[in-house]
Amino acid sequence: MPRPLVLDAARTPFGRYRGGLSGVRVDDLAALPITELLRRHPGLDPARVDDVLLGNTNGAGEENRDVGRMAALLAGLPASVPGVAVNRLCASGGEAVVQAARALALGDASLLVAGGVEGMTRAPFVVPRPERAFADRLEAVSTAQGWRLVNPRLRADWTVPLGRAAEDVAVSLGITRERMDAFALRSHRRASAAWDAGVHDGFAFPVRLPDGSRVRRDESVRPEASPERLARLRPAFSAGGPVTAGNASPPGDGAVALLMGDEGAAESLGVTPLAEFLGSAVTAAEPQLSALAPVAAIRKLVERLGVPVGDVDLWEVNEAFAAVALSVLHHLPEVDPEKVNVHGGAIAYGHPLGASLPRVVVDLCRHLRARGGGVGVAAACVGVGQGMAIAVRA
């Protein structure tokens, strides 16, 4: 069976909500890292790409017509290259990477582009059809994030905001506001140091805007973050609650693309793969327990691979909320905290939903290689009670 390999990857910096990338159409944003990969590999015949698989959570705006196909065309790939959009909410881009790996392992493809995109700033308002004819008024609903147009048949506790759900899990586990703020500060300091040290060179590339300026770094990273500033922030979801804007990931805009292939593709392109895709797992639980879902996904994956949790060399846990990463550490005490998000996470980098898990996977691959290789696991909570974990070997 062919080995699925991550051959290369590129991403835009992640723009903050209403930030530097807010003027870029979402489908154009999706095309940018694909164009960058083609630029980096001038010997690659674009017609060799068997498919483009992109994760996208919204799908209601400028990316509504199968953003995988739109991005392929906008990036200049031949019209003969197909494309598909994938949605598993916060793990949409991860699902695209998993599906690409499966296609390679089955021999259905030899060279693929996979990744994800989200333009949360440009998410449109939608107007649902009225329940009766000739309605006197119409209500617009934002599609930027979270629940909307909720089915009344769903239990009320299933449809609470994800932040409130994470908060309830944190309280039940005794995870305090102080611990979450400390974890958030760690994320900002590590992410800022990583940018200063050039850790993201060769992955993130600057985006040139129409006015000639460039977005060069992730805009939500706060080197000036401090315990005092974090402590002043108000609770976001309940009076006196521990979750704030400071210990939660900010929404944003961004795109990631991975060039994935089999050994034949790697040899023909003359590249040393970043990593080998080892496997994945998805799990689900009560929707209000999304913050705990990565724990089950990790356990399922490592059991299947026969790798003890304590033997995993590096971890990337998507920091949708500090409560998520701290819940993983609570339930998996074998995990060394110093091996988790070694260069910070989404609390600092931002969380453009469809692009987040591909960013986490590639960071895992690159950080493993920088440390001499090993096995790594990336994990994320997913809305409506799901979790995903992905394992790689570099």
Protein backbone atom coordinates (compact mmCIF):
# COMPACT_ATOMS: atom_id res chain seq x y z
CA MET A 1 0.00 0.00 0.00
CA PRO A 2 1.46 3.43 -0.92
CA ARG A 3 2.61 5.67 1.94
CA PRO A 4 0.80 9.04 2.08
CA LEU A 5 3.39 11.79 2.40
CA VAL A 6 3.28 15.51 3.12
CA LEU A 7 5.67 16.86 0.50
CA ASP A 8 5.43 20.60 1.16
CA ALA A 9 3.04 23.18 2.55
CA ALA A 10 2.35 26.89 2.42
CA ARG A 11 0.03 29.20 4.29
CA THR A 12 -0.94 32.81 4.43
CA PRO A 13 -0.41 34.63 7.68
CA PHE A 14 -3.63 34.47 9.67
CA GLY A 15 -5.32 37.86 9.62
CA ARG A 16 -7.33 39.05 12.58
CA TYR A 17 -11.06 39.61 12.26
CA ARG A 18 -11.54 42.80 10.18
CA GLY A 19 -7.77 42.87 9.78
CA GLY A 20 -5.27 42.90 6.96
CA LEU A 21 -6.80 40.08 4.91
CA SER A 22 -10.39 41.26 5.23
CA GLY A 23 -10.25 42.88 1.79
CA VAL A 24 -9.38 39.58 0.06
CA ARG A 25 -12.21 37.48 -1.34
CA VAL A 26 -12.39 34.09 0.32
CA ASP A 27 -11.98 32.14 -2.91
CA ASP A 28 -8.98 34.29 -3.84
CA LEU A 29 -7.59 33.68 -0.34
CA ALA A 30 -7.93 29.93 -0.88
CA ALA A 31 -5.97 30.15 -4.12
CA LEU A 32 -2.98 31.99 -2.63
CA PRO A 33 -1.16 29.06 -0.94
CA ILE A 34 -1.77 26.85 -3.98
CA THR A 35 -0.18 29.50 -6.18
CA GLU A 36 2.71 29.69 -3.72
CA LEU A 37 3.28 25.92 -3.90
CA LEU A 38 3.36 26.07 -7.70
CA ARG A 39 5.87 28.92 -7.50
CA ARG A 40 8.11 26.91 -5.18
CA HIS A 41 8.07 23.89 -7.47
CA PRO A 42 8.60 25.18 -11.01
CA GLY A 43 9.32 21.65 -12.22
CA LEU A 44 5.86 20.47 -11.23
CA ASP A 45 3.49 20.00 -14.13
CA PRO A 46 0.22 21.39 -12.69
CA ALA A 47 -1.75 18.91 -14.76
CA ARG A 48 -0.27 16.12 -12.59
CA VAL A 49 -2.37 17.23 -9.60
CA ASP A 50 -5.12 14.64 -9.29
CA ASP A 51 -7.45 16.68 -7.09
CA VAL A 52 -7.70 19.71 -4.80
CA LEU A 53 -9.42 19.11 -1.46
CA LEU A 54 -10.11 22.13 0.73
CA GLY A 55 -11.87 22.33 4.07
CA ASN A 56 -14.23 25.22 4.67
CA THR A 57 -16.67 25.66 7.53
CA ASN A 58 -18.89 28.46 6.29
CA GLY A 59 -19.64 27.81 2.65
CA ALA A 60 -22.20 30.60 2.58
CA GLY A 61 -20.19 33.46 1.09
CA GLU A 62 -17.73 33.95 -1.73
CA GLU A 63 -16.60 30.34 -1.27
CA ASN A 64 -20.10 28.93 -1.79
CA ARG A 65 -19.51 27.24 -5.16
CA ASP A 66 -17.15 24.41 -4.13
CA VAL A 67 -14.15 26.41 -2.95
CA GLY A 68 -11.76 23.56 -3.80
CA ARG A 69 -12.66 23.80 -7.45
CA MET A 70 -12.76 27.61 -7.42
CA ALA A 71 -9.33 27.81 -5.78
CA ALA A 72 -7.85 25.39 -8.32
CA LEU A 73 -9.05 27.55 -11.20
CA LEU A 74 -8.03 30.84 -9.57
CA ALA A 75 -4.56 29.46 -8.77
CA GLY A 76 -4.00 28.71 -12.44
CA LEU A 77 -4.27 24.95 -12.33
CA PRO A 78 -5.53 23.47 -15.61
CA ALA A 79 -9.29 23.15 -15.96
CA SER A 80 -8.74 19.37 -16.01
CA VAL A 81 -7.83 19.40 -12.28
CA PRO A 82 -10.94 18.79 -10.15
CA GLY A 83 -11.63 20.17 -6.69
CA VAL A 84 -13.88 19.53 -3.73
CA ALA A 85 -14.96 21.37 -0.58
CA VAL A 86 -15.13 19.47 2.72
CA ASN A 87 -16.97 20.48 5.90
CA ARG A 88 -16.42 19.03 9.36
CA LEU A 89 -16.73 22.40 11.09
CA CYS A 90 -13.48 23.26 12.94
CA ALA A 91 -11.83 20.12 11.53
CA SER A 92 -12.81 20.78 7.92
CA GLY A 93 -9.26 21.29 6.73
CA GLY A 94 -8.12 18.29 8.73
CA GLU A 95 -10.81 16.21 7.08
CA ALA A 96 -9.51 17.34 3.68
CA VAL A 97 -6.00 16.20 4.63
CA VAL A 98 -7.35 12.85 5.87
CA GLN A 99 -9.32 12.27 2.67
CA ALA A 100 -6.25 13.11 0.60
CA ALA A 101 -4.15 10.63 2.60
CA ARG A 102 -6.75 7.92 2.08
CA ALA A 103 -6.80 8.52 -1.67
CA LEU A 104 -3.01 8.22 -1.78
CA ALA A 105 -2.98 5.07 0.38
CA LEU A 106 -5.56 3.42 -1.88
CA GLY A 107 -3.68 4.34 -5.03
CA ASP A 108 -6.56 6.49 -6.24
CA ALA A 109 -4.18 9.43 -6.61
CA SER A 110 -0.46 10.12 -6.72
CA LEU A 111 -0.30 13.88 -6.16
CA LEU A 112 -2.88 16.05 -4.39
CA VAL A 113 -3.39 19.47 -2.87
CA ALA A 114 -5.23 19.50 0.46
CA GLY A 115 -5.86 22.15 3.08
CA GLY A 116 -8.43 24.67 4.12
CA VAL A 117 -9.60 28.26 4.09
CA GLU A 118 -11.79 30.57 6.10
CA GLY A 119 -12.60 34.24 5.62
CA MET A 120 -14.56 34.90 8.78
CA THR A 121 -14.55 38.66 8.30
CA ARG A 122 -16.33 38.31 4.98
CA ALA A 123 -18.90 35.74 6.14
CA PRO A 124 -22.23 37.08 4.84
CA PHE A 125 -25.53 37.68 6.51
CA VAL A 126 -28.28 35.36 5.30
CA VAL A 127 -32.00 35.96 5.25
CA PRO A 128 -34.04 32.80 5.89
CA ARG A 129 -37.26 32.34 4.00
CA PRO A 130 -40.24 33.50 6.06
CA GLU A 131 -42.59 30.92 7.54
CA ARG A 132 -45.57 32.65 5.93
CA ALA A 133 -46.13 34.43 2.66
CA PHE A 134 -45.98 38.21 2.41
CA ALA A 135 -44.06 38.67 5.66
CA ASP A 136 -43.85 42.22 6.97
CA ARG A 137 -40.17 41.98 7.87
CA LEU A 138 -37.13 39.81 7.27
CA GLU A 139 -34.41 38.95 9.81
CA ALA A 140 -30.78 38.71 8.73
CA VAL A 141 -28.52 36.16 10.44
CA SER A 142 -24.71 36.35 10.59
CA THR A 143 -22.83 33.29 9.33
CA ALA A 144 -19.44 34.29 10.79
CA GLN A 145 -19.37 31.56 13.43
CA GLY A 146 -21.47 29.54 15.83
CA TRP A 147 -25.05 28.33 15.72
CA ARG A 148 -27.64 29.92 13.46
CA LEU A 149 -31.04 28.85 12.12
CA VAL A 150 -31.15 26.31 14.93
CA ASN A 151 -33.57 23.42 14.57
CA PRO A 152 -36.05 23.69 17.47
CA ARG A 153 -36.10 19.89 17.76
CA LEU A 154 -32.52 19.89 19.09
CA ARG A 155 -32.08 19.88 22.86
CA ALA A 156 -31.30 23.33 24.25
CA ASP A 157 -28.10 22.18 25.99
CA TRP A 158 -26.82 20.80 22.67
CA THR A 159 -26.83 24.23 21.04
CA VAL A 160 -25.12 26.38 23.65
CA PRO A 161 -22.23 28.53 22.33
CA LEU A 162 -18.98 26.61 22.14
CA GLY A 163 -17.32 29.01 24.54
CA ARG A 164 -20.00 28.42 27.13
CA ALA A 165 -19.65 24.67 26.62
CA ALA A 166 -15.87 24.91 27.11
CA GLU A 167 -16.47 27.00 30.21
CA ASP A 168 -18.79 24.41 31.73
CA VAL A 169 -16.24 21.66 31.08
CA ALA A 170 -13.46 23.73 32.64
CA VAL A 171 -15.54 24.40 35.77
CA SER A 172 -16.43 20.72 36.09
CA LEU A 173 -12.71 19.80 35.96
CA GLY A 174 -11.61 22.52 38.36
CA ILE A 175 -9.68 24.42 35.67
CA THR A 176 -9.55 28.00 36.90
CA ARG A 177 -9.52 31.33 35.09
CA GLU A 178 -5.96 31.84 36.34
CA ARG A 179 -4.76 28.60 34.73
CA MET A 180 -6.44 29.46 31.46
CA ASP A 181 -4.98 32.96 31.43
CA ALA A 182 -1.52 31.55 32.17
CA PHE A 183 -1.89 29.11 29.27
CA ALA A 184 -2.98 31.96 26.99
CA LEU A 185 0.04 34.03 28.00
CA ARG A 186 2.28 31.04 27.27
CA SER A 187 0.73 30.78 23.80
CA HIS A 188 1.35 34.44 22.93
CA ARG A 189 4.90 34.44 24.24
CA ARG A 190 5.84 31.26 22.41
CA ALA A 191 4.19 32.35 19.16
CA SER A 192 5.88 35.74 19.28
CA ALA A 193 9.26 34.14 19.96
CA ALA A 194 8.70 31.68 17.10
CA TRP A 195 8.06 34.48 14.63
CA ASP A 196 11.10 36.40 15.84
CA ALA A 197 13.26 33.27 15.50
CA GLY A 198 12.10 32.53 11.93
CA VAL A 199 10.34 29.29 12.88
CA HIS A 200 7.59 29.93 10.32
CA ASP A 201 9.95 30.80 7.46
CA GLY A 202 9.36 28.44 4.57
CA PHE A 203 5.74 27.83 5.57
CA ALA A 204 4.00 31.19 6.02
CA PHE A 205 4.52 33.63 3.16
CA PRO A 206 3.67 37.35 2.94
CA VAL A 207 0.46 38.35 1.18
CA ARG A 208 0.58 41.44 -1.01
CA LEU A 209 -2.55 43.59 -0.83
CA PRO A 210 -3.97 45.80 -3.63
CA ASP A 211 -2.59 48.96 -1.99
CA GLY A 212 0.93 47.52 -2.14
CA SER A 213 1.22 46.74 1.56
CA ARG A 214 1.90 43.22 2.81
CA VAL A 215 0.57 41.06 5.59
CA ARG A 216 3.70 39.34 6.83
CA ARG A 217 2.85 37.85 10.24
CA ASP A 218 -0.10 36.40 12.10
CA GLU A 219 -1.98 39.47 13.26
CA SER A 220 -3.48 38.13 16.49
CA VAL A 221 -0.15 37.34 18.17
CA ARG A 222 0.25 39.72 21.11
CA PRO A 223 3.87 40.05 22.29
CA GLU A 224 2.66 42.68 24.74
CA ALA A 225 0.32 40.23 26.51
CA SER A 226 0.72 40.18 30.28
CA PRO A 227 -1.02 38.62 33.28
CA GLU A 228 -2.38 42.03 34.22
CA ARG A 229 -3.92 42.68 30.80
CA LEU A 230 -5.48 39.23 30.66
CA ALA A 231 -6.88 39.60 34.18
CA ARG A 232 -8.69 42.81 33.22
CA LEU A 233 -10.77 41.14 30.48
CA ARG A 234 -14.41 40.49 31.22
CA PRO A 235 -16.03 37.04 31.16
CA ALA A 236 -17.35 36.34 27.68
CA PHE A 237 -20.13 33.81 28.19
CA SER A 238 -21.49 34.04 31.74
CA ALA A 239 -21.28 36.36 34.71
CA GLY A 240 -18.10 35.54 36.55
CA GLY A 241 -17.22 32.75 34.12
CA PRO A 242 -13.59 31.78 33.45
CA VAL A 243 -13.59 32.06 29.64
CA THR A 244 -12.67 35.46 28.22
CA ALA A 245 -11.55 36.83 24.87
CA GLY A 246 -8.01 36.52 26.23
CA ASN A 247 -8.02 32.76 26.84
CA ALA A 248 -10.02 31.92 23.72
CA SER A 249 -8.86 31.85 20.11
CA PRO A 250 -9.75 34.92 18.02
CA PRO A 251 -11.62 34.42 14.74
CA GLY A 252 -9.83 35.42 11.59
CA ASP A 253 -8.97 34.92 7.95
CA GLY A 254 -6.43 32.58 6.39
CA ALA A 255 -5.65 29.68 4.06
CA VAL A 256 -3.32 26.67 4.10
CA ALA A 257 -2.38 24.23 1.33
CA LEU A 258 -0.43 20.99 1.59
CA LEU A 259 1.17 19.25 -1.37
CA MET A 260 0.64 15.55 -0.65
CA GLY A 261 1.83 12.60 -2.67
CA ASP A 262 3.18 9.08 -2.73
CA GLU A 263 6.85 8.09 -2.86
CA GLY A 264 6.86 8.23 -6.64
CA ALA A 265 5.67 11.82 -6.60
CA ALA A 266 8.28 12.78 -4.00
CA GLU A 267 11.05 11.22 -6.07
CA SER A 268 9.94 12.81 -9.33
CA LEU A 269 9.76 16.25 -7.69
CA GLY A 270 13.09 15.77 -5.95
CA VAL A 271 11.73 16.74 -2.54
CA THR A 272 12.35 15.36 0.93
CA PRO A 273 8.90 14.84 2.48
CA LEU A 274 8.01 16.79 5.61
CA ALA A 275 6.36 13.75 7.14
CA GLU A 276 4.41 10.56 6.60
CA PHE A 277 0.70 10.48 7.41
CA LEU A 278 0.16 7.61 9.86
CA GLY A 279 -3.55 7.70 10.58
CA SER A 280 -6.50 9.57 12.00
CA ALA A 281 -9.51 9.17 14.24
CA VAL A 282 -12.78 10.99 14.73
CA THR A 283 -15.12 10.64 17.67
CA ALA A 284 -18.35 12.20 18.87
CA ALA A 285 -20.14 12.79 22.15
CA GLU A 286 -22.89 14.98 23.56
CA PRO A 287 -22.62 18.27 21.62
CA GLN A 288 -22.09 20.36 24.76
CA LEU A 289 -18.97 18.29 25.54
CA SER A 290 -17.00 19.39 22.48
CA ALA A 291 -14.12 20.58 24.64
CA LEU A 292 -13.53 16.99 25.79
CA ALA A 293 -13.86 15.37 22.37
CA PRO A 294 -10.12 15.53 21.45
CA VAL A 295 -9.36 13.24 24.40
CA ALA A 296 -11.45 10.40 22.97
CA ALA A 297 -10.07 10.97 19.46
CA ILE A 298 -6.48 10.81 20.75
CA ARG A 299 -7.13 7.64 22.71
CA LYS A 300 -8.79 5.98 19.74
CA LEU A 301 -5.94 6.92 17.41
CA VAL A 302 -2.99 5.91 19.59
CA GLU A 303 -4.66 2.60 20.47
CA ARG A 304 -5.14 1.85 16.80
CA LEU A 305 -1.52 2.74 16.02
CA GLY A 306 -0.18 0.85 19.04
CA VAL A 307 1.70 3.91 20.28
CA PRO A 308 1.42 4.65 24.02
CA VAL A 309 0.40 8.24 24.79
CA GLY A 310 3.63 8.76 26.71
CA ASP A 311 5.71 7.74 23.68
CA VAL A 312 4.37 10.49 21.39
CA ASP A 313 7.24 12.89 20.72
CA LEU A 314 5.27 16.07 20.06
CA TRP A 315 1.69 17.33 20.30
CA GLU A 316 -0.33 20.06 18.68
CA VAL A 317 -3.72 20.61 20.31
CA ASN A 318 -5.76 23.32 18.63
CA GLU A 319 -6.39 26.02 21.18
CA ALA A 320 -9.97 26.89 20.33
CA PHE A 321 -10.06 27.68 24.04
CA ALA A 322 -7.41 27.25 26.70
CA ALA A 323 -9.97 24.98 28.36
CA VAL A 324 -9.64 22.50 25.48
CA ALA A 325 -5.88 22.04 25.74
CA LEU A 326 -6.03 21.97 29.54
CA SER A 327 -8.81 19.37 29.41
CA VAL A 328 -6.57 17.16 27.27
CA LEU A 329 -3.75 17.51 29.79
CA HIS A 330 -6.18 16.78 32.63
CA HIS A 331 -7.44 13.53 31.14
CA LEU A 332 -4.13 12.41 29.63
CA PRO A 333 -1.60 12.93 32.43
CA GLU A 334 0.98 10.90 30.46
CA VAL A 335 1.34 13.88 28.09
CA ASP A 336 4.29 16.10 28.91
CA PRO A 337 2.95 19.70 28.81
CA GLU A 338 6.30 20.88 27.45
CA LYS A 339 5.70 18.79 24.34
CA VAL A 340 2.34 20.47 23.64
CA ASN A 341 2.14 23.49 21.32
CA VAL A 342 5.84 24.20 21.67
CA HIS A 343 5.59 27.38 19.59
CA GLY A 344 2.18 28.54 20.77
CA GLY A 345 -1.26 27.85 19.40
CA ALA A 346 -4.51 29.29 18.13
CA ILE A 347 -5.04 31.59 21.10
CA ALA A 348 -2.15 33.55 19.61
CA TYR A 349 -2.21 32.62 15.92
CA GLY A 350 -5.98 32.86 15.49
CA HIS A 351 -8.60 30.34 14.47
CA PRO A 352 -9.82 30.74 10.88
CA LEU A 353 -11.89 27.61 11.16
CA GLY A 354 -11.29 25.68 7.92
CA ALA A 355 -7.58 26.58 7.89
CA SER A 356 -6.80 25.83 11.52
CA LEU A 357 -6.24 22.07 11.60
CA PRO A 358 -4.06 22.04 8.45
CA ARG A 359 -1.93 24.73 10.09
CA VAL A 360 -1.64 22.60 13.21
CA VAL A 361 -0.72 19.47 11.20
CA VAL A 362 1.99 21.23 9.21
CA ASP A 363 3.42 22.94 12.28
CA LEU A 364 3.60 19.49 13.89
CA CYS A 365 5.47 18.06 10.89
CA ARG A 366 7.94 20.94 10.74
CA HIS A 367 8.58 21.09 14.49
CA LEU A 368 9.19 17.33 14.59
CA ARG A 369 11.75 17.59 11.81
CA ALA A 370 13.47 20.48 13.58
CA ARG A 371 13.86 18.20 16.61
CA GLY A 372 15.27 15.29 14.66
CA GLY A 373 12.04 13.47 13.83
CA GLY A 374 9.59 11.27 15.65
CA VAL A 375 5.88 10.64 15.95
CA GLY A 376 3.47 13.49 16.55
CA VAL A 377 -0.25 13.85 17.13
CA ALA A 378 -2.43 16.82 16.24
CA ALA A 379 -5.90 17.10 17.72
CA ALA A 380 -8.84 19.47 17.72
CA CYS A 381 -12.26 19.89 19.19
CA VAL A 382 -15.03 20.14 16.63
CA GLY A 383 -18.45 21.76 16.95
CA VAL A 384 -21.49 19.66 17.79
CA GLY A 385 -19.49 17.34 20.02
CA GLN A 386 -16.88 15.92 17.66
CA GLY A 387 -13.13 15.45 17.99
CA MET A 388 -10.37 14.68 15.50
CA ALA A 389 -6.80 13.44 15.90
CA ILE A 390 -4.14 12.98 13.21
CA ALA A 391 -0.77 11.22 13.58
CA VAL A 392 2.35 11.84 11.50
CA ARG A 393 5.95 10.61 11.52
CA ALA A 394 8.78 12.92 10.49
